[in-house]
Amino acid sequence: MSEAIKRGVDNALKRYVDYLSNNVELVTAVESWMKTLSYLVAGRISKSHSTVIAELMYSSSSLFTLFNDYMLRKRHGLHTLQGAGARRLKIALSCLEAVEVFIEIAARRYADPNIKWILIFCVELLKTIGRFVLQLKYKSGLRYFPLINRLNRKAIHMDGVEERTDDSQSSNNQSYYTLPHSGRQIKSVNTGSWQGVASAPVSVGKTVLDKGQMVGEALHNLQPLIHLGTEACFGAESWKPWIASIITDLASLGILKQSHYRYSKNENSEMVRRKFILWMYLLRSPCYDRVTKQRLLRLLSVFQSIPWTQVYCWFHRSVSS
């Protein structure tokens, strides 16, 4: 009986993958509509459940996208470009990140406050453990966002192969030689391309982090737990969790920045993204409630006299209130 069910599931999955491969653009459009529908649902069903339903739809669309990308990669043999253990862990972490906001909102709406914080802490703890395993066991280098890059479905649909990504380049270690002191990776002569400079890849593999950089990346991984711990001790309205979080991020960036010349182009882009995220602290409580909010509202009141800005100002005021 179990064998018959397994064969039926395998056949259904094979038919779906065949349909997915032949209708990539249609499935991509369905994924986009699922995300768009989650925004339209918010506030338009039951006010007590609309946020939970909207977030459930958004999380489902993210999981649906991850599943489709996984099946397409498997169909075209792209999984062989990355270690199986690291790949499975990245998939698990990506699924957890896709549903963590839904878990938090659902717990806030339907569960006791203590249960809500326990669930949030468990999710962040699992993510932190997974990130440390990637960093220490699989030598993943800097953690990108997102962990798994979106599949270039257009390239697969048109050419049958995906354009080379960071993961594919970092996993093809036999094509590169790592210098022992600087950590730079250079392409070997035997695997060089003789088709001209234009066809060479833009960047090579990921940087092998030294001890100092490992400490900086560890601080970046620990930042959510540090924030939750200080918030549990001092409360959400205190400045101490906010200060502890921004100090942790600044310390992480300061340590990692000391060896910026050793990073690849994509890793430097990740460093720029992390620096930009620091500006988001202005929009986090209690800084937003006590400092940023009133200044933004005064700035918006000045912009109200400028044509075509009244609609945006009205929308921001309605959301803030």
Protein backbone atom coordinates (compact mmCIF):
# COMPACT_ATOMS: atom_id res chain seq x y z
CA MET A 1 0.00 0.00 0.00
CA SER A 2 2.77 2.40 0.92
CA GLU A 3 4.66 1.56 -2.27
CA ALA A 4 1.57 2.33 -4.35
CA ILE A 5 1.14 5.69 -2.60
CA LYS A 6 4.82 6.47 -3.13
CA ARG A 7 4.60 5.63 -6.84
CA GLY A 8 1.48 7.77 -7.15
CA VAL A 9 3.16 10.73 -5.46
CA ASP A 10 6.28 10.31 -7.61
CA ASN A 11 4.21 10.19 -10.80
CA ALA A 12 2.19 13.25 -9.79
CA LEU A 13 5.38 15.11 -8.91
CA LYS A 14 6.98 14.14 -12.22
CA ARG A 15 3.95 15.40 -14.15
CA TYR A 16 4.03 18.67 -12.20
CA VAL A 17 7.75 19.16 -12.90
CA ASP A 18 7.12 18.52 -16.60
CA TYR A 19 4.34 21.09 -16.58
CA LEU A 20 6.52 23.51 -14.62
CA SER A 21 9.40 23.19 -17.08
CA ASN A 22 7.09 23.83 -20.04
CA ASN A 23 5.19 26.72 -18.42
CA VAL A 24 7.83 28.63 -16.47
CA GLU A 25 6.42 32.07 -17.26
CA LEU A 26 2.89 31.08 -16.24
CA VAL A 27 4.00 29.62 -12.90
CA THR A 28 6.12 32.71 -12.23
CA ALA A 29 3.09 34.89 -12.88
CA VAL A 30 1.02 32.78 -10.46
CA GLU A 31 3.67 33.29 -7.77
CA SER A 32 3.60 37.05 -8.34
CA TRP A 33 -0.19 37.13 -8.16
CA MET A 34 -0.13 35.19 -4.89
CA LYS A 35 2.13 37.83 -3.35
CA THR A 36 0.01 40.66 -4.77
CA LEU A 37 -3.18 39.05 -3.48
CA SER A 38 -1.70 38.88 0.02
CA TYR A 39 -1.41 42.69 0.00
CA LEU A 40 -4.95 43.12 -1.29
CA VAL A 41 -6.42 40.78 1.32
CA ALA A 42 -5.00 42.75 4.27
CA GLY A 43 -7.82 44.72 5.90
CA ARG A 44 -10.48 43.53 3.46
CA ILE A 45 -11.72 40.33 5.10
CA SER A 46 -12.17 40.13 8.85
CA LYS A 47 -10.25 42.79 10.70
CA SER A 48 -9.37 40.33 13.44
CA HIS A 49 -7.94 37.76 11.02
CA SER A 50 -6.95 39.68 7.88
CA THR A 51 -3.32 40.25 8.90
CA VAL A 52 -2.83 36.58 9.73
CA ILE A 53 -4.47 35.45 6.49
CA ALA A 54 -2.47 37.94 4.43
CA GLU A 55 0.81 36.83 5.99
CA LEU A 56 -0.15 33.18 5.52
CA MET A 57 -0.72 33.82 1.81
CA TYR A 58 2.59 35.67 1.51
CA SER A 59 4.50 32.92 3.32
CA SER A 60 2.80 30.30 1.15
CA SER A 61 3.84 32.14 -2.00
CA SER A 62 7.45 32.29 -0.76
CA LEU A 63 7.44 28.56 -0.02
CA PHE A 64 5.84 27.88 -3.40
CA THR A 65 8.61 29.83 -5.10
CA LEU A 66 11.32 27.97 -3.17
CA PHE A 67 9.73 24.64 -4.09
CA ASN A 68 9.50 25.50 -7.78
CA ASP A 69 13.10 26.73 -7.88
CA TYR A 70 14.22 23.54 -6.13
CA MET A 71 12.40 21.30 -8.61
CA LEU A 72 13.73 23.24 -11.60
CA ARG A 73 17.28 23.04 -10.29
CA LYS A 74 16.85 19.31 -9.73
CA ARG A 75 15.36 18.85 -13.20
CA HIS A 76 18.30 20.61 -14.88
CA GLY A 77 20.99 19.04 -12.70
CA LEU A 78 22.07 22.28 -11.06
CA HIS A 79 22.18 20.76 -7.55
CA THR A 80 25.45 19.04 -8.38
CA LEU A 81 27.18 22.44 -8.25
CA GLN A 82 26.85 22.68 -4.47
CA GLY A 83 27.42 20.38 -1.50
CA ALA A 84 24.34 18.38 -0.54
CA GLY A 85 24.61 19.08 3.19
CA ALA A 86 25.00 22.84 2.82
CA ARG A 87 22.24 22.90 0.22
CA ARG A 88 19.76 21.10 2.46
CA LEU A 89 20.59 23.37 5.38
CA LYS A 90 20.15 26.50 3.26
CA ILE A 91 16.78 25.21 2.04
CA ALA A 92 15.66 24.55 5.62
CA LEU A 93 16.77 28.01 6.76
CA SER A 94 15.09 29.64 3.77
CA CYS A 95 11.81 27.87 4.58
CA LEU A 96 12.11 28.98 8.21
CA GLU A 97 12.73 32.58 7.15
CA ALA A 98 9.71 32.40 4.85
CA VAL A 99 7.31 31.49 7.67
CA GLU A 100 8.84 33.25 10.69
CA VAL A 101 6.79 36.44 10.28
CA PHE A 102 3.60 34.39 9.97
CA ILE A 103 4.51 32.46 13.14
CA GLU A 104 5.09 35.71 15.03
CA ILE A 105 1.85 37.34 13.86
CA ALA A 106 -0.24 34.22 14.48
CA ALA A 107 1.27 33.79 17.95
CA ARG A 108 0.62 37.44 18.76
CA ARG A 109 -3.00 37.11 17.64
CA TYR A 110 -3.99 33.73 19.07
CA ALA A 111 -1.45 32.75 21.75
CA ASP A 112 -0.37 33.95 25.15
CA PRO A 113 2.40 36.62 25.15
CA ASN A 114 4.80 34.22 26.85
CA ILE A 115 4.19 31.58 24.17
CA LYS A 116 4.73 34.22 21.49
CA TRP A 117 8.17 35.11 22.81
CA ILE A 118 9.08 31.46 23.27
CA LEU A 119 8.21 30.76 19.62
CA ILE A 120 10.15 33.80 18.41
CA PHE A 121 13.19 32.79 20.48
CA CYS A 122 13.05 29.20 19.19
CA VAL A 123 12.89 30.38 15.57
CA GLU A 124 15.83 32.75 16.01
CA LEU A 125 17.80 30.10 17.89
CA LEU A 126 17.31 27.57 15.09
CA LYS A 127 18.34 30.15 12.50
CA THR A 128 21.44 31.09 14.48
CA ILE A 129 22.49 27.46 14.93
CA GLY A 130 22.02 26.81 11.21
CA ARG A 131 24.07 29.88 10.28
CA PHE A 132 26.91 28.81 12.56
CA VAL A 133 26.89 25.33 11.02
CA LEU A 134 27.16 26.92 7.57
CA GLN A 135 29.96 29.17 8.76
CA LEU A 136 32.03 26.67 10.75
CA LYS A 137 31.38 23.34 9.04
CA TYR A 138 30.74 24.27 5.42
CA LYS A 139 32.96 27.40 5.31
CA SER A 140 30.23 29.39 3.60
CA GLY A 141 31.97 32.74 4.09
CA LEU A 142 29.81 35.84 4.34
CA ARG A 143 26.11 35.09 4.67
CA TYR A 144 24.21 36.56 1.74
CA PHE A 145 20.62 37.68 1.73
CA PRO A 146 18.75 35.72 0.59
CA LEU A 147 20.56 32.50 1.41
CA ILE A 148 19.45 30.92 -1.87
CA ASN A 149 19.53 33.15 -4.92
CA ARG A 150 16.45 33.25 -7.10
CA LEU A 151 16.72 30.92 -10.05
CA ASN A 152 17.22 32.58 -13.42
CA ARG A 153 14.21 30.87 -14.94
CA LYS A 154 14.37 32.84 -18.16
CA ALA A 155 17.84 31.47 -18.87
CA ILE A 156 16.64 27.92 -18.16
CA HIS A 157 13.53 28.40 -20.27
CA MET A 158 15.47 29.82 -23.24
CA ASP A 159 18.83 28.07 -23.09
CA GLY A 160 18.28 25.13 -20.73
CA VAL A 161 21.00 26.30 -18.33
CA GLU A 162 21.14 28.86 -15.59
CA GLU A 163 23.63 31.71 -15.56
CA ARG A 164 26.52 31.11 -13.18
CA THR A 165 25.84 32.33 -9.65
CA ASP A 166 27.88 32.75 -6.51
CA ASP A 167 27.04 29.28 -5.23
CA SER A 168 28.05 27.62 -8.47
CA GLN A 169 31.32 29.49 -8.55
CA SER A 170 32.14 28.91 -4.90
CA SER A 171 31.43 25.19 -5.13
CA ASN A 172 33.60 24.63 -8.20
CA ASN A 173 36.71 24.64 -6.03
CA GLN A 174 38.76 22.46 -8.34
CA SER A 175 38.83 25.29 -10.91
CA TYR A 176 40.42 27.73 -8.45
CA TYR A 177 43.51 27.89 -6.27
CA THR A 178 43.35 29.60 -2.86
CA LEU A 179 46.44 31.60 -1.89
CA PRO A 180 47.53 30.54 1.62
CA HIS A 181 48.19 33.99 3.10
CA SER A 182 45.77 36.41 1.44
CA GLY A 183 42.87 33.98 0.99
CA ARG A 184 42.35 35.15 -2.60
CA GLN A 185 41.13 32.61 -5.13
CA ILE A 186 42.63 32.63 -8.61
CA LYS A 187 41.61 30.55 -11.57
CA SER A 188 44.01 27.82 -12.60
CA VAL A 189 45.64 27.92 -16.03
CA ASN A 190 44.31 24.52 -17.04
CA THR A 191 40.71 25.62 -16.61
CA GLY A 192 41.17 29.04 -18.18
CA SER A 193 38.83 30.27 -20.87
CA TRP A 194 40.38 31.10 -24.26
CA GLN A 195 37.30 32.91 -25.55
CA GLY A 196 38.48 36.39 -24.59
CA VAL A 197 38.14 38.59 -21.56
CA ALA A 198 34.44 39.33 -22.14
CA SER A 199 33.43 35.72 -21.46
CA ALA A 200 35.26 35.45 -18.12
CA PRO A 201 33.15 35.38 -14.95
CA VAL A 202 32.77 38.64 -13.07
CA SER A 203 33.74 37.26 -9.67
CA VAL A 204 35.33 34.15 -8.26
CA GLY A 205 34.60 32.09 -5.20
CA LYS A 206 33.83 33.14 -1.68
CA THR A 207 36.51 34.45 0.63
CA VAL A 208 37.91 32.03 3.18
CA LEU A 209 37.38 33.97 6.40
CA ASP A 210 40.25 34.34 8.87
CA LYS A 211 39.76 34.29 12.64
CA GLY A 212 38.98 38.00 12.89
CA GLN A 213 36.45 37.84 10.09
CA MET A 214 34.88 34.76 11.67
CA VAL A 215 34.34 36.79 14.85
CA GLY A 216 32.73 39.60 12.84
CA GLU A 217 30.40 37.19 11.04
CA ALA A 218 29.59 35.46 14.34
CA LEU A 219 28.50 38.80 15.81
CA HIS A 220 26.26 39.33 12.78
CA ASN A 221 24.69 35.90 13.34
CA LEU A 222 24.19 36.52 17.07
CA GLN A 223 22.58 39.96 16.71
CA PRO A 224 18.94 38.71 16.76
CA LEU A 225 19.51 36.69 19.93
CA ILE A 226 21.31 39.60 21.58
CA HIS A 227 18.37 41.86 20.77
CA LEU A 228 15.83 39.36 22.12
CA GLY A 229 17.85 38.76 25.27
CA THR A 230 18.19 42.45 26.13
CA GLU A 231 14.53 43.05 25.29
CA ALA A 232 13.51 40.24 27.65
CA CYS A 233 15.60 41.81 30.41
CA PHE A 234 14.77 45.50 29.96
CA GLY A 235 11.49 45.56 27.99
CA ALA A 236 10.54 46.58 24.46
CA GLU A 237 10.26 50.30 25.34
CA SER A 238 13.80 50.53 26.67
CA TRP A 239 16.67 51.95 24.63
CA LYS A 240 19.01 49.17 25.75
CA PRO A 241 17.90 46.50 23.21
CA TRP A 242 18.14 49.09 20.42
CA ILE A 243 21.61 50.18 21.56
CA ALA A 244 22.83 46.59 22.00
CA SER A 245 21.65 45.67 18.48
CA ILE A 246 23.24 48.64 16.72
CA ILE A 247 26.52 48.21 18.64
CA THR A 248 26.62 44.54 17.61
CA ASP A 249 26.04 45.40 13.95
CA LEU A 250 28.61 48.21 14.03
CA ALA A 251 31.19 45.95 15.68
CA SER A 252 30.54 43.22 13.10
CA LEU A 253 30.94 45.63 10.19
CA GLY A 254 34.03 47.20 11.74
CA ILE A 255 35.76 43.84 12.06
CA LEU A 256 34.77 42.65 8.59
CA LYS A 257 35.69 45.97 6.97
CA GLN A 258 39.31 45.66 8.05
CA SER A 259 39.90 43.15 5.25
CA HIS A 260 37.54 44.55 2.62
CA TYR A 261 40.17 44.22 -0.13
CA ARG A 262 39.96 40.44 0.17
CA TYR A 263 36.27 40.19 -0.65
CA SER A 264 34.80 39.43 -4.03
CA LYS A 265 32.50 41.83 -5.84
CA ASN A 266 29.33 40.14 -4.58
CA GLU A 267 30.65 40.00 -1.03
CA ASN A 268 31.37 43.73 -1.14
CA SER A 269 27.78 44.23 -2.31
CA GLU A 270 26.62 42.31 0.77
CA MET A 271 28.74 44.60 2.95
CA VAL A 272 27.09 47.63 1.35
CA ARG A 273 23.66 46.11 2.02
CA ARG A 274 24.52 45.62 5.69
CA LYS A 275 25.67 49.24 5.96
CA PHE A 276 22.42 50.41 4.41
CA ILE A 277 20.44 48.31 6.90
CA LEU A 278 21.94 50.44 9.69
CA TRP A 279 19.76 53.34 8.51
CA MET A 280 16.72 51.19 9.26
CA TYR A 281 17.47 51.59 12.96
CA LEU A 282 15.93 55.05 12.62
CA LEU A 283 12.62 53.31 11.89
CA ARG A 284 12.81 50.84 14.78
CA SER A 285 11.28 51.40 18.19
CA PRO A 286 11.94 53.20 20.43
CA CYS A 287 13.96 55.48 18.14
CA TYR A 288 11.09 55.85 15.68
CA ASP A 289 8.47 56.58 18.34
CA ARG A 290 10.57 59.07 20.28
CA VAL A 291 12.81 60.69 17.65
CA THR A 292 12.17 59.87 14.00
CA LYS A 293 8.37 59.91 13.76
CA GLN A 294 7.75 63.58 14.57
CA ARG A 295 10.58 64.73 12.31
CA LEU A 296 9.25 62.69 9.41
CA LEU A 297 5.75 64.07 9.92
CA ARG A 298 7.07 67.63 9.93
CA LEU A 299 9.01 66.91 6.76
CA LEU A 300 5.89 65.48 5.12
CA SER A 301 3.90 68.57 6.08
CA VAL A 302 6.43 70.65 4.13
CA PHE A 303 6.07 68.40 1.09
CA GLN A 304 2.29 68.77 1.07
CA SER A 305 2.62 72.01 -0.87
CA ILE A 306 4.45 70.22 -3.70
CA PRO A 307 2.22 68.83 -6.49
CA TRP A 308 1.71 65.06 -6.66
CA THR A 309 3.02 64.54 -3.12
CA GLN A 310 -0.29 65.01 -1.30
CA VAL A 311 -1.33 61.41 -1.92
CA TYR A 312 1.88 60.02 -0.45
CA CYS A 313 1.69 62.34 2.55
CA TRP A 314 -1.91 61.31 3.20
CA PHE A 315 -0.98 57.63 2.95
CA HIS A 316 1.95 57.98 5.36
CA ARG A 317 -0.15 59.90 7.89
CA SER A 318 -2.92 57.30 7.73
CA VAL A 319 -0.44 54.46 8.27
CA SER A 320 1.35 56.28 11.11
CA SER A 321 -1.89 57.02 12.91
